[in-house]
């Protein structure tokens, strides 16, 4: 899995309109091949700042499959005019993950890197 990370600075006073537009736009991204999940989070300390996290199967699913699709033009139409400045988008590959905590186990339980095979 690849994690797309975009820090979104929305024009002052446009947060509510942006959230409404994103509610509509999220169906576009969720329909794309290779899409796994997404989150849009609002910053608590800075007004009009959001964090978009999207999980893709591969980097190309985002950079080629989504960005070169006709659906991307609709995504741009709905959202891009809200950004000031235009966001930088970066992609991350997993190194370690605490999946046990996500599944309700106590925090701090070590979890092996999913790329490594367990030695039984």
Protein backbone atom coordinates (compact mmCIF):
# COMPACT_ATOMS: atom_id res chain seq x y z
CA UNK A 1 0.00 0.00 0.00
CA UNK A 2 1.07 3.55 -0.77
CA UNK A 3 -0.11 6.52 1.28
CA UNK A 4 -0.80 9.77 -0.54
CA UNK A 5 -0.45 12.77 1.79
CA UNK A 6 -1.69 16.25 0.88
CA UNK A 7 -1.72 19.22 3.23
CA UNK A 8 -4.57 21.41 1.99
CA UNK A 9 -4.74 25.11 2.78
CA UNK A 10 -8.24 26.28 1.89
CA UNK A 11 -9.02 29.92 1.13
CA UNK A 12 -10.17 31.85 4.19
CA UNK A 13 -13.90 31.52 4.82
CA UNK A 14 -14.29 28.67 2.30
CA UNK A 15 -13.99 25.72 4.70
CA UNK A 16 -17.67 24.85 4.77
CA UNK A 17 -18.03 25.07 0.98
CA UNK A 18 -14.86 22.99 0.58
CA UNK A 19 -16.22 20.28 2.88
CA UNK A 20 -19.47 20.16 0.92
CA UNK A 21 -17.58 19.89 -2.37
CA UNK A 22 -15.32 17.19 -0.93
CA UNK A 23 -18.37 15.21 0.19
CA UNK A 24 -19.34 15.01 -3.47
CA UNK A 25 -15.79 14.53 -4.81
CA UNK A 26 -14.93 11.63 -2.52
CA UNK A 27 -17.18 9.32 -4.56
CA UNK A 28 -14.94 10.01 -7.57
CA UNK A 29 -11.73 8.94 -5.89
CA UNK A 30 -13.37 5.98 -4.16
CA UNK A 31 -14.46 4.61 -7.55
CA UNK A 32 -10.93 4.48 -8.98
CA UNK A 33 -9.02 1.23 -9.57
CA UNK A 34 -6.36 0.74 -6.90
CA UNK A 35 -8.10 2.99 -4.36
CA UNK A 36 -8.18 1.51 -0.84
CA UNK A 37 -9.35 4.24 1.57
CA UNK A 38 -9.21 7.92 2.41
CA UNK A 39 -9.53 10.38 5.27
CA UNK A 40 -10.00 14.13 5.26
CA UNK A 41 -9.10 15.69 8.59
CA UNK A 42 -9.52 19.32 9.71
CA UNK A 43 -6.67 20.93 11.65
CA UNK A 44 -7.59 21.93 15.20
CA UNK A 45 -4.91 24.60 15.53
CA UNK A 46 -5.10 26.33 12.15
CA UNK A 47 -8.37 27.41 10.54
CA UNK A 48 -8.91 26.31 6.94
CA UNK A 49 -6.14 23.69 7.01
CA UNK A 50 -6.93 20.06 6.15
CA UNK A 51 -4.99 16.84 5.78
CA UNK A 52 -5.97 14.41 3.03
CA UNK A 53 -4.73 10.84 3.34
CA UNK A 54 -5.46 8.36 0.56
CA UNK A 55 -4.29 4.77 0.43
CA UNK A 56 -3.57 3.35 -3.02
CA UNK A 57 -2.50 -0.14 -4.02
CA UNK A 58 0.41 1.28 -6.07
CA UNK A 59 1.92 4.69 -6.78
CA UNK A 60 0.81 4.36 -10.41
CA UNK A 61 -2.80 3.83 -9.36
CA UNK A 62 -2.72 7.45 -8.18
CA UNK A 63 -0.23 9.17 -10.48
CA UNK A 64 -1.34 7.49 -13.71
CA UNK A 65 -4.68 5.76 -13.17
CA UNK A 66 -6.38 8.60 -11.29
CA UNK A 67 -4.56 11.71 -12.46
CA UNK A 68 -4.82 10.79 -16.14
CA UNK A 69 -8.45 9.73 -15.94
CA UNK A 70 -11.47 11.72 -17.14
CA UNK A 71 -12.75 11.56 -13.54
CA UNK A 72 -9.75 13.60 -12.38
CA UNK A 73 -11.02 16.56 -14.41
CA UNK A 74 -14.23 16.51 -12.35
CA UNK A 75 -12.20 16.20 -9.12
CA UNK A 76 -10.20 19.28 -10.16
CA UNK A 77 -13.34 21.22 -11.06
CA UNK A 78 -14.90 20.49 -7.67
CA UNK A 79 -11.88 21.11 -5.43
CA UNK A 80 -8.83 22.83 -6.90
CA UNK A 81 -10.22 26.38 -6.78
CA UNK A 82 -10.39 26.16 -2.95
CA UNK A 83 -6.61 25.79 -2.45
CA UNK A 84 -4.27 28.66 -1.63
CA UNK A 85 -1.47 27.89 -2.17
CA UNK A 86 -1.83 24.78 -4.29
CA UNK A 87 -0.88 21.74 -2.18
CA UNK A 88 2.18 19.58 -2.50
CA UNK A 89 1.27 15.91 -2.71
CA UNK A 90 3.72 13.29 -1.46
CA UNK A 91 3.63 9.51 -1.37
CA UNK A 92 4.83 7.23 1.42
CA UNK A 93 5.57 3.52 1.65
CA UNK A 94 5.13 1.66 4.95
CA UNK A 95 8.14 0.94 7.10
CA UNK A 96 6.45 -0.16 10.33
CA UNK A 97 2.82 -0.33 11.41
CA UNK A 98 1.19 -1.05 14.74
CA UNK A 99 -1.74 -3.01 13.38
CA UNK A 100 -2.40 -4.57 16.78
CA UNK A 101 -3.40 -1.16 18.17
CA UNK A 102 -5.71 -0.62 15.21
CA UNK A 103 -7.37 -3.96 15.95
CA UNK A 104 -8.00 -3.14 19.61
CA UNK A 105 -4.90 -4.69 21.20
CA UNK A 106 -3.03 -2.69 23.83
CA UNK A 107 -0.80 0.06 22.46
CA UNK A 108 2.89 -0.69 22.57
CA UNK A 109 2.57 -4.30 21.53
CA UNK A 110 5.34 -4.79 18.96
CA UNK A 111 4.19 -5.68 15.49
CA UNK A 112 6.60 -7.09 12.91
CA UNK A 113 7.10 -5.23 9.67
CA UNK A 114 4.66 -6.80 7.19
CA UNK A 115 7.46 -7.12 4.62
CA UNK A 116 9.38 -9.51 6.88
CA UNK A 117 8.44 -13.12 7.26
CA UNK A 118 7.88 -14.43 10.74
CA UNK A 119 10.35 -16.94 12.00
CA UNK A 120 8.51 -19.70 13.76
